[in-house]
Protein backbone atom coordinates (compact mmCIF):
# COMPACT_ATOMS: atom_id res chain seq x y z
CA MET A 1 22.27 182.68 76.58
CA GLU A 2 22.32 181.65 72.96
CA ILE A 3 23.69 183.71 70.06
CA THR A 4 23.14 182.60 66.48
CA LEU A 5 24.28 184.13 63.18
CA ASP A 6 22.28 183.79 59.99
CA LYS A 7 24.02 185.07 56.83
CA HIS A 8 21.50 186.27 54.26
CA SER A 9 24.12 187.16 51.64
CA ALA A 10 27.86 187.68 51.20
CA ASN A 11 27.75 190.85 53.28
CA GLN A 12 24.52 190.99 55.31
CA ALA A 13 23.31 188.84 58.19
CA SER A 14 21.06 188.76 61.23
CA ILE A 15 22.10 187.93 64.78
CA LYS A 16 19.64 186.48 67.29
CA ILE A 17 20.30 186.62 71.02
CA THR A 18 18.17 184.49 73.32
CA LEU A 19 18.22 185.25 77.06
CA ASN A 20 16.71 183.09 79.79
CA GLU A 21 16.07 184.04 83.41
CA ALA A 22 19.42 182.70 84.62
CA ASP A 23 21.27 185.13 82.33
CA TYR A 24 19.91 188.31 83.85
CA GLN A 25 18.00 187.64 87.11
CA PRO A 26 21.00 187.29 89.49
CA LYS A 27 22.30 190.71 88.42
CA VAL A 28 18.81 192.20 88.64
CA ASP A 29 18.39 190.82 92.19
CA ALA A 30 21.77 192.25 93.22
CA LYS A 31 20.85 195.67 91.87
CA LEU A 32 17.45 195.45 93.52
CA LYS A 33 19.04 194.79 96.94
CA ASP A 34 21.46 197.65 96.45
CA TYR A 35 18.66 199.96 95.35
CA THR A 36 16.55 198.97 98.37
CA LYS A 37 19.32 200.17 100.69
CA LYS A 38 19.22 203.61 99.10
CA ALA A 39 15.58 204.00 98.10
CA SER A 40 13.59 206.81 99.69
CA ILE A 41 9.92 205.82 99.72
CA ARG A 42 7.18 207.78 101.48
CA GLY A 43 6.15 206.16 104.74
CA PHE A 44 9.49 204.44 105.31
CA ARG A 45 12.83 205.60 106.55
CA PRO A 46 15.53 205.62 103.80
CA GLY A 47 16.61 202.06 103.08
CA LYS A 48 13.88 200.47 105.25
CA ALA A 49 11.18 199.85 102.65
CA PRO A 50 10.32 196.14 102.07
CA ILE A 51 12.23 194.68 99.12
CA SER A 52 8.92 193.34 97.75
CA MET A 53 7.58 196.89 97.52
CA VAL A 54 10.74 198.17 95.87
CA LYS A 55 10.62 195.26 93.43
CA ASN A 56 7.02 196.00 92.60
CA MET A 57 7.85 199.66 91.95
CA TYR A 58 11.21 199.40 90.18
CA GLY A 59 11.80 195.74 89.33
CA VAL A 60 10.75 195.95 85.67
CA SER A 61 12.83 199.04 84.89
CA LEU A 62 15.89 197.52 86.59
CA MET A 63 15.40 194.32 84.60
CA VAL A 64 15.07 196.21 81.30
CA ASP A 65 18.25 198.18 82.01
CA GLU A 66 20.19 195.04 82.91
CA ILE A 67 18.97 193.15 79.84
CA ASN A 68 20.03 196.07 77.63
CA ASN A 69 23.48 196.07 79.27
CA ILE A 70 23.85 192.32 78.72
CA LEU A 71 22.73 192.63 75.10
CA GLY A 72 25.20 195.41 74.33
CA GLU A 73 28.14 193.69 75.96
CA SER A 74 27.34 190.26 74.54
CA LEU A 75 26.81 191.56 71.01
CA ASN A 76 30.07 193.54 71.05
CA ASN A 77 32.07 190.59 72.38
CA TYR A 78 30.52 188.23 69.84
CA LEU A 79 31.32 190.53 66.93
CA LYS A 80 34.92 190.96 68.09
CA GLU A 81 35.39 187.21 67.80
CA GLN A 82 34.28 187.10 64.16
CA SER A 83 36.67 187.11 61.21
CA PHE A 84 34.59 189.58 59.19
CA ARG A 85 34.71 193.38 59.49
CA ILE A 86 31.51 195.03 60.76
CA LEU A 87 30.37 198.14 58.88
CA GLY A 88 28.27 200.77 60.59
CA GLU A 89 26.46 199.58 63.72
CA PRO A 90 24.09 196.65 64.31
CA LEU A 91 20.46 197.65 63.75
CA PRO A 92 17.82 196.23 66.11
CA VAL A 93 14.95 194.52 64.32
CA GLU A 94 11.94 196.41 65.56
CA LYS A 95 9.02 194.46 67.02
CA ALA A 96 5.45 195.40 67.83
CA ASP A 97 5.04 197.36 71.08
CA ASP A 98 3.11 194.55 72.72
CA SER A 99 5.40 191.72 71.59
CA ILE A 100 7.25 191.69 74.95
CA ASP A 101 5.55 191.29 78.31
CA TRP A 102 8.24 192.52 80.69
CA LYS A 103 6.22 191.66 83.80
CA THR A 104 5.60 187.97 83.12
CA GLN A 105 7.98 186.90 80.37
CA LYS A 106 11.08 184.97 81.48
CA GLU A 107 12.79 184.25 78.17
CA PHE A 108 13.53 186.91 75.57
CA GLU A 109 14.72 186.88 71.97
CA PHE A 110 16.29 189.88 70.27
CA GLU A 111 17.39 190.24 66.66
CA TYR A 112 19.87 192.57 64.96
CA LYS A 113 20.78 193.24 61.35
CA ILE A 114 24.45 193.67 60.48
CA GLY A 115 26.46 194.57 57.39
CA PHE A 116 30.04 193.39 56.94
CA VAL A 117 32.87 192.50 54.60
CA GLU A 118 34.70 189.21 54.91
CA GLY A 119 38.13 190.66 54.17
CA VAL A 120 40.21 192.82 51.88
CA ASN A 121 42.51 190.94 49.51
CA LEU A 122 44.72 193.20 47.44
CA SER A 123 48.05 192.20 45.92
CA LEU A 124 50.47 195.06 45.29
CA ASP A 125 52.91 194.30 42.48
CA LYS A 126 54.09 195.64 39.14
CA LYS A 127 51.07 194.09 37.43
CA THR A 128 49.02 196.88 38.95
CA LYS A 129 49.39 199.97 36.77
CA ALA A 130 48.60 203.59 37.55
CA THR A 131 49.61 207.02 36.28
CA LYS A 132 51.66 209.69 38.01
CA PHE A 133 50.58 213.00 36.52
CA GLU A 134 52.88 216.00 36.25
CA ILE A 135 51.33 219.32 35.25
CA LYS A 136 53.71 221.48 33.25
CA VAL A 137 53.40 225.24 33.55
CA ASP A 138 53.94 226.75 30.09
CA ASP A 139 54.78 230.29 28.98
CA LYS A 140 51.16 230.95 28.03
CA LEU A 141 49.98 230.46 31.62
CA VAL A 142 52.89 232.49 32.99
CA ASN A 143 52.08 235.40 30.68
CA GLU A 144 48.35 235.22 31.50
CA THR A 145 49.17 235.23 35.21
CA ILE A 146 51.45 238.25 34.86
CA ASP A 147 48.76 240.11 32.87
CA ASN A 148 46.20 239.33 35.59
CA LEU A 149 48.59 240.57 38.30
CA LYS A 150 49.21 243.78 36.33
CA SER A 151 45.46 244.35 36.12
CA GLN A 152 44.86 243.40 39.75
CA TYR A 153 47.51 245.82 41.04
CA GLY A 154 46.84 248.53 38.47
CA GLU A 155 45.32 251.96 39.07
CA SER A 156 41.53 252.23 38.89
CA THR A 157 39.91 255.16 37.10
CA ASN A 158 36.37 256.24 36.16
CA PRO A 159 36.47 257.65 32.62
CA GLU A 160 33.62 259.54 30.99
CA THR A 161 33.53 257.30 27.90
CA SER A 162 33.80 253.51 27.85
CA GLU A 163 36.38 251.42 25.99
CA ALA A 164 36.87 247.73 25.32
CA GLY A 165 37.72 245.83 28.52
CA ASP A 166 36.03 248.28 30.89
CA SER A 167 33.64 247.17 33.61
CA ILE A 168 30.28 248.89 33.36
CA TYR A 169 28.24 249.44 36.52
CA GLY A 170 24.52 249.98 36.06
CA ASP A 171 20.94 248.71 36.24
CA LEU A 172 19.77 245.69 34.26
CA LYS A 173 16.02 245.62 33.59
CA SER A 174 13.72 243.35 31.60
CA VAL A 175 11.56 245.11 29.02
CA GLU A 176 8.61 242.92 29.93
CA GLY A 177 8.22 241.93 33.55
CA ASP A 178 9.52 243.27 36.87
CA PHE A 179 13.05 241.88 36.83
CA THR A 180 15.76 244.42 37.77
CA LYS A 181 19.28 244.10 39.11
CA SER A 182 22.19 246.44 39.77
CA LEU A 183 25.51 244.93 38.78
CA SER A 184 29.03 245.50 37.47
CA LEU A 185 29.44 244.05 33.97
CA PRO A 186 32.99 243.13 32.86
CA THR A 187 32.83 243.59 29.11
CA SER A 188 35.80 241.25 28.68
CA LYS A 189 33.55 238.36 29.74
CA ILE A 190 30.87 238.80 27.06
CA SER A 191 31.00 238.24 23.31
CA LYS A 192 32.71 240.91 21.17
CA LYS A 193 29.44 241.57 19.35
CA LEU A 194 27.52 242.29 22.57
CA ALA A 195 30.48 244.14 24.14
CA GLY A 196 30.48 246.49 21.14
CA LYS A 197 27.17 247.95 22.35
CA PHE A 198 28.88 249.03 25.57
CA ILE A 199 31.85 250.80 23.91
CA GLY A 200 32.02 254.56 23.24
CA ILE A 201 29.18 255.53 25.54
CA GLY A 202 28.97 257.40 28.85
CA LYS A 203 26.99 257.67 32.07
CA ASP A 204 23.18 257.51 31.89
CA ALA A 205 23.33 255.90 28.44
CA GLU A 206 20.91 253.03 27.91
CA VAL A 207 21.93 249.88 26.05
CA SER A 208 19.25 247.59 24.63
CA PHE A 209 19.77 243.94 23.76
CA ASP A 210 17.90 240.65 23.59
CA ALA A 211 18.42 237.68 25.91
CA LYS A 212 19.29 235.55 22.87
CA GLU A 213 22.47 237.62 22.45
CA VAL A 214 23.79 236.35 25.81
CA LYS A 215 25.15 232.85 26.31
CA LYS A 216 24.08 230.94 29.43
CA ASP A 217 27.54 230.99 30.99
CA GLU A 218 27.73 234.75 30.32
CA TRP A 219 24.55 235.28 32.31
CA THR A 220 26.21 233.69 35.33
CA GLU A 221 29.87 234.69 34.89
CA ALA A 222 29.45 238.23 33.54
CA PHE A 223 26.00 239.36 34.70
CA GLY A 224 26.17 237.35 37.93
CA LEU A 225 22.65 235.90 37.69
CA THR A 226 21.64 233.13 40.08
CA GLU A 227 19.86 229.94 38.97
CA GLU A 228 16.52 231.44 39.99
CA GLU A 229 17.23 234.69 38.12
CA LEU A 230 18.23 232.74 35.00
CA GLU A 231 14.61 231.68 34.62
CA GLN A 232 13.75 235.34 33.97
CA ALA A 233 16.51 235.85 31.40
CA LYS A 234 14.10 236.03 28.49
CA GLY A 235 13.05 238.66 25.97
CA GLY A 236 14.41 242.18 25.76
CA PHE A 237 16.63 243.95 28.32
CA THR A 238 17.97 247.43 28.94
CA PHE A 239 21.16 248.33 30.79
CA THR A 240 21.40 251.87 32.16
CA ILE A 241 25.00 252.94 32.79
CA LYS A 242 25.73 254.52 36.19
CA ASN A 243 29.52 254.37 36.20
CA ILE A 244 32.50 253.19 34.13
CA ASN A 245 35.42 251.44 35.81
CA ARG A 246 38.78 251.04 34.11
CA THR A 247 42.03 249.63 35.43
CA GLN A 248 45.29 250.93 34.07
CA THR A 249 47.67 247.97 34.17
CA ALA A 250 50.62 248.26 36.53
CA GLU A 251 54.12 248.73 35.17
CA LEU A 252 56.75 246.03 35.64
CA ASN A 253 58.94 247.97 38.04
CA GLN A 254 60.49 247.42 41.48
CA GLU A 255 57.44 248.79 43.27
CA PHE A 256 55.26 246.21 41.51
CA PHE A 257 57.74 243.37 42.17
CA ASP A 258 57.81 244.25 45.89
CA LYS A 259 53.99 244.24 46.10
CA ILE A 260 53.82 240.72 44.69
CA PHE A 261 56.75 238.93 46.34
CA GLY A 262 57.92 241.26 49.11
CA PRO A 263 60.76 243.81 49.31
CA ASP A 264 63.80 243.02 47.14
CA GLN A 265 62.83 239.39 46.48
CA VAL A 266 63.17 239.95 42.73
CA LYS A 267 64.95 242.85 40.99
CA SER A 268 64.30 242.44 37.27
CA GLU A 269 61.61 241.38 34.80
CA GLU A 270 63.52 238.19 34.13
CA GLU A 271 63.72 237.31 37.83
CA PHE A 272 60.05 238.22 38.25
CA THR A 273 58.97 235.94 35.38
CA THR A 274 61.08 233.10 36.77
CA LYS A 275 59.60 233.58 40.25
CA VAL A 276 56.04 233.58 38.89
CA LYS A 277 56.72 230.35 37.00
CA GLU A 278 58.26 228.69 40.08
CA THR A 279 55.29 229.74 42.22
CA LEU A 280 52.78 228.45 39.68
CA GLN A 281 54.70 225.18 39.27
CA GLY A 282 54.77 224.67 43.05
CA SER A 283 51.04 225.18 43.22
CA TYR A 284 50.32 222.80 40.33
CA ASP A 285 52.75 220.22 41.75
CA LYS A 286 50.45 220.02 44.78
CA GLU A 287 47.38 219.75 42.55
CA SER A 288 48.94 217.03 40.40
CA LYS A 289 49.93 215.10 43.54
CA VAL A 290 46.36 215.23 44.86
CA PHE A 291 44.95 214.27 41.45
CA THR A 292 47.43 211.38 41.09
CA GLU A 293 46.50 210.04 44.52
CA GLU A 294 42.76 210.27 43.84
CA GLU A 295 43.17 208.42 40.55
CA LEU A 296 45.34 205.83 42.32
CA LYS A 297 42.62 205.27 44.90
CA LYS A 298 40.17 204.57 42.07
CA VAL A 299 42.55 201.98 40.62
CA LEU A 300 42.92 200.22 43.98
CA VAL A 301 39.19 200.36 44.72
CA GLU A 302 38.47 198.75 41.35
CA LYS A 303 41.17 196.12 41.88
CA ALA A 304 40.02 195.17 45.41
CA LYS A 305 36.44 194.52 44.22
CA ILE A 306 34.95 194.94 47.70
CA GLU A 307 31.22 194.29 47.75
CA LEU A 308 29.57 196.57 50.28
CA PRO A 309 26.19 195.83 51.94
CA ASP A 310 24.59 198.80 50.20
CA ALA A 311 21.01 198.28 51.39
CA PHE A 312 22.10 197.88 55.00
CA LEU A 313 24.43 200.88 54.93
CA LYS A 314 21.75 203.14 53.47
CA GLU A 315 19.34 202.08 56.21
CA TRP A 316 22.02 202.59 58.87
CA LEU A 317 22.96 206.06 57.55
CA LEU A 318 19.30 207.09 57.61
CA LYS A 319 18.76 205.89 61.19
CA ALA A 320 22.11 207.15 62.48
CA ASN A 321 21.22 210.62 61.19
CA GLU A 322 17.50 210.43 61.90
CA GLY A 323 15.80 213.78 61.46
CA LYS A 324 18.85 215.33 59.81
CA ILE A 325 18.75 213.70 56.39
CA THR A 326 16.14 212.13 54.11
CA GLU A 327 16.15 208.98 51.99
CA ALA A 328 16.71 211.20 48.96
CA ASP A 329 19.79 212.70 50.66
CA VAL A 330 21.17 209.22 51.36
CA GLU A 331 20.63 208.09 47.77
CA LYS A 332 22.34 211.20 46.44
CA GLU A 333 25.39 211.09 48.73
CA TYR A 334 25.80 207.32 49.02
CA PRO A 335 28.13 206.80 46.01
CA ILE A 336 30.67 209.22 47.53
CA TYR A 337 30.29 207.63 50.97
CA ALA A 338 30.74 204.13 49.51
CA GLN A 339 33.89 205.19 47.65
CA GLN A 340 35.39 206.71 50.82
CA LEU A 341 34.43 203.71 52.93
CA THR A 342 35.95 201.28 50.44
CA TRP A 343 39.20 203.25 50.32
CA SER A 344 39.27 203.36 54.14
CA LEU A 345 39.00 199.55 54.26
CA ILE A 346 41.77 199.18 51.69
CA SER A 347 44.05 201.72 53.35
CA ASN A 348 43.66 200.17 56.80
CA GLN A 349 44.35 196.68 55.43
CA ILE A 350 47.49 197.80 53.59
CA ALA A 351 48.70 199.57 56.74
CA LYS A 352 48.03 196.48 58.86
CA ASP A 353 49.69 194.05 56.43
CA ASN A 354 52.81 196.19 56.04
CA GLY A 355 53.24 197.67 59.50
CA ILE A 356 52.50 201.21 58.35
CA GLN A 357 51.66 203.47 61.27
CA ALA A 358 51.13 207.20 61.75
CA GLU A 359 53.31 208.52 64.56
CA HIS A 360 52.57 211.50 66.79
CA GLU A 361 55.56 213.37 65.36
CA ASP A 362 54.14 212.90 61.85
CA VAL A 363 50.86 214.46 62.95
CA ILE A 364 52.68 217.46 64.41
CA GLU A 365 54.70 218.04 61.22
CA LYS A 366 51.70 217.70 58.92
CA THR A 367 49.74 220.16 61.06
CA LYS A 368 52.62 222.64 60.88
CA GLU A 369 52.65 222.33 57.08
CA MET A 370 48.91 223.00 56.95
CA ILE A 371 49.21 226.09 59.17
CA ARG A 372 52.13 227.46 57.12
CA GLU A 373 50.07 227.11 53.94
CA GLN A 374 47.10 228.89 55.52
CA PHE A 375 49.29 231.82 56.58
CA ALA A 376 51.53 231.78 53.49
CA SER A 377 50.38 235.20 52.28
CA SER A 378 50.03 236.80 55.71
CA GLY A 379 53.60 238.05 55.93
CA LEU A 380 53.91 236.86 59.53
CA GLY A 381 57.05 234.81 58.83
CA SER A 382 59.18 234.50 61.97
CA GLN A 383 56.25 235.55 64.18
CA LEU A 384 54.27 232.55 62.95
CA GLU A 385 57.15 230.15 63.60
CA ALA A 386 57.64 231.56 67.11
CA SER A 387 53.99 230.80 67.94
CA MET A 388 53.76 227.59 65.90
CA ASP A 389 53.55 225.22 68.88
CA MET A 390 50.56 227.15 70.23
CA PHE A 391 48.79 227.11 66.85
CA VAL A 392 49.39 223.36 66.47
CA ASP A 393 48.23 222.57 70.00
CA ASN A 394 45.05 224.65 69.66
CA TYR A 395 44.16 223.06 66.33
CA LEU A 396 44.74 219.45 67.35
CA LYS A 397 42.69 219.89 70.54
CA GLY A 398 39.83 221.48 68.61
CA ASN A 399 36.54 219.81 67.76
CA GLU A 400 36.79 217.70 70.93
CA GLY A 401 39.98 216.03 69.71
CA GLN A 402 38.47 215.01 66.37
CA ASN A 403 40.96 217.23 64.53
CA TYR A 404 43.80 215.09 65.89
CA MET A 405 42.14 211.86 64.79
CA ASN A 406 41.44 213.29 61.33
CA MET A 407 45.06 214.35 60.98
CA LEU A 408 46.23 210.93 62.20
CA THR A 409 44.12 209.26 59.49
CA SER A 410 45.44 211.71 56.89
CA VAL A 411 49.05 210.93 57.82
CA GLN A 412 48.43 207.17 57.57
CA ASN A 413 46.78 207.65 54.17
CA ASP A 414 49.82 209.60 52.98
CA LYS A 415 52.14 206.80 54.10
CA VAL A 416 49.97 204.11 52.54
CA LEU A 417 49.79 205.93 49.19
CA ALA A 418 53.56 206.50 49.18
CA PHE A 419 54.10 202.81 49.94
CA VAL A 420 51.70 201.68 47.21
CA GLN A 421 53.44 203.82 44.58
CA GLU A 422 56.71 202.06 45.36
CA GLN A 423 55.14 198.63 44.89
CA ILE A 424 53.16 199.05 41.68
CA ASP A 425 53.94 200.22 38.14
CA MET A 426 53.57 204.02 38.13
CA LYS A 427 53.96 205.55 34.67
CA GLU A 428 54.79 209.25 34.63
CA LYS A 429 52.72 211.44 32.32
CA SER A 430 53.33 215.14 31.68
CA ILE A 431 50.17 217.11 30.88
CA SER A 432 49.31 220.73 30.14
CA ILE A 433 46.99 222.91 32.20
CA ASP A 434 44.25 222.54 29.58
CA GLU A 435 44.63 218.75 29.58
CA PHE A 436 44.44 218.75 33.37
CA LYS A 437 41.20 220.76 33.28
CA GLU A 438 39.74 218.29 30.78
CA LEU A 439 40.59 215.39 33.11
CA LEU A 440 38.89 217.15 36.00
CA GLU A 441 35.71 217.58 33.97
CA LYS A 442 35.40 213.86 33.20
């Protein structure tokens, strides 16, 4: 057997494996003898058929199977000995159907394409700079949140005459064409000029307006039109009112406090405002942590400058998911895949170099945290904790054990990111909610 490697570029190569008769025939003969002992062939008692007949009937298929076994084992062992890191799986170089004569040929040559990276070199020191974002919850957001809660938990009524801020249920129709849709229109989500047409009127009233009076985002956010329906948002429209919905905002009293945070958790407006701010801050602390880590990954990916075998990986993704995705799908999703793959290479190298390892206990604790967050608003409390071990066990065994492996990877990533932040120069930056939203849109 001869195995040769031919590097075409810094990250792609071909491997040729040449087999001669001595590499596979002894194992084929052994299997043939064993098969002869068990073969049931018409006209002969089981195991009594001449080996020449069995060879004539099954020799080629046994040889093909054995050659495939040798190829797989040899290729895997060869790749394990290399210093580079294989990406994806080796791809066989396809040959014409008649290029191999299995009956007469004694020597065979097979070729595979591979993609790889030579190594990940990333120094972690104070020369590497990144930003640790902290989102500050201000009074404006707290007040908006309280107003939303008062509306959400307020009393709903159906007045005879509409006022500003009401939601109007009715039928939207195009003046020209067949478009019609029944919907609930929140007048607070459209311009004041257009909303004025819906104020001071009652059931069965018809409001007329032109599509030009409605902004594109209002068509989707207020009228609830889909992308397909947006194409018909042209010309004149009528809106026939069927019902008027109004919510009387809830009062800031003990009953309201108990609905939001549970019985006797807060007992005054001041305590309620403080609790709302703490809850919002806790939520945004998690968001800022995730955002900081994603931005940090980008910094490390840029610093590592890993050159992926893009052409090979796209071909491998297409063949590995044959029939499920198209070339267009691969082209569209590849940038995200490449970013995730690059980070995975970096994370694994940092973990290896610094002895960072996810322990079973870490996986259990992280799973418990996830389950607590999922059931945070359920009110189960002590009941959840009493059954926590069962919930954790069921989740980690799910998806044929893949959930456990995913959680293991997540824990290692957490440890790697925490380690990196200790090694590099992390500058803290406090930002507002609006600034955070702007960063997300970039």
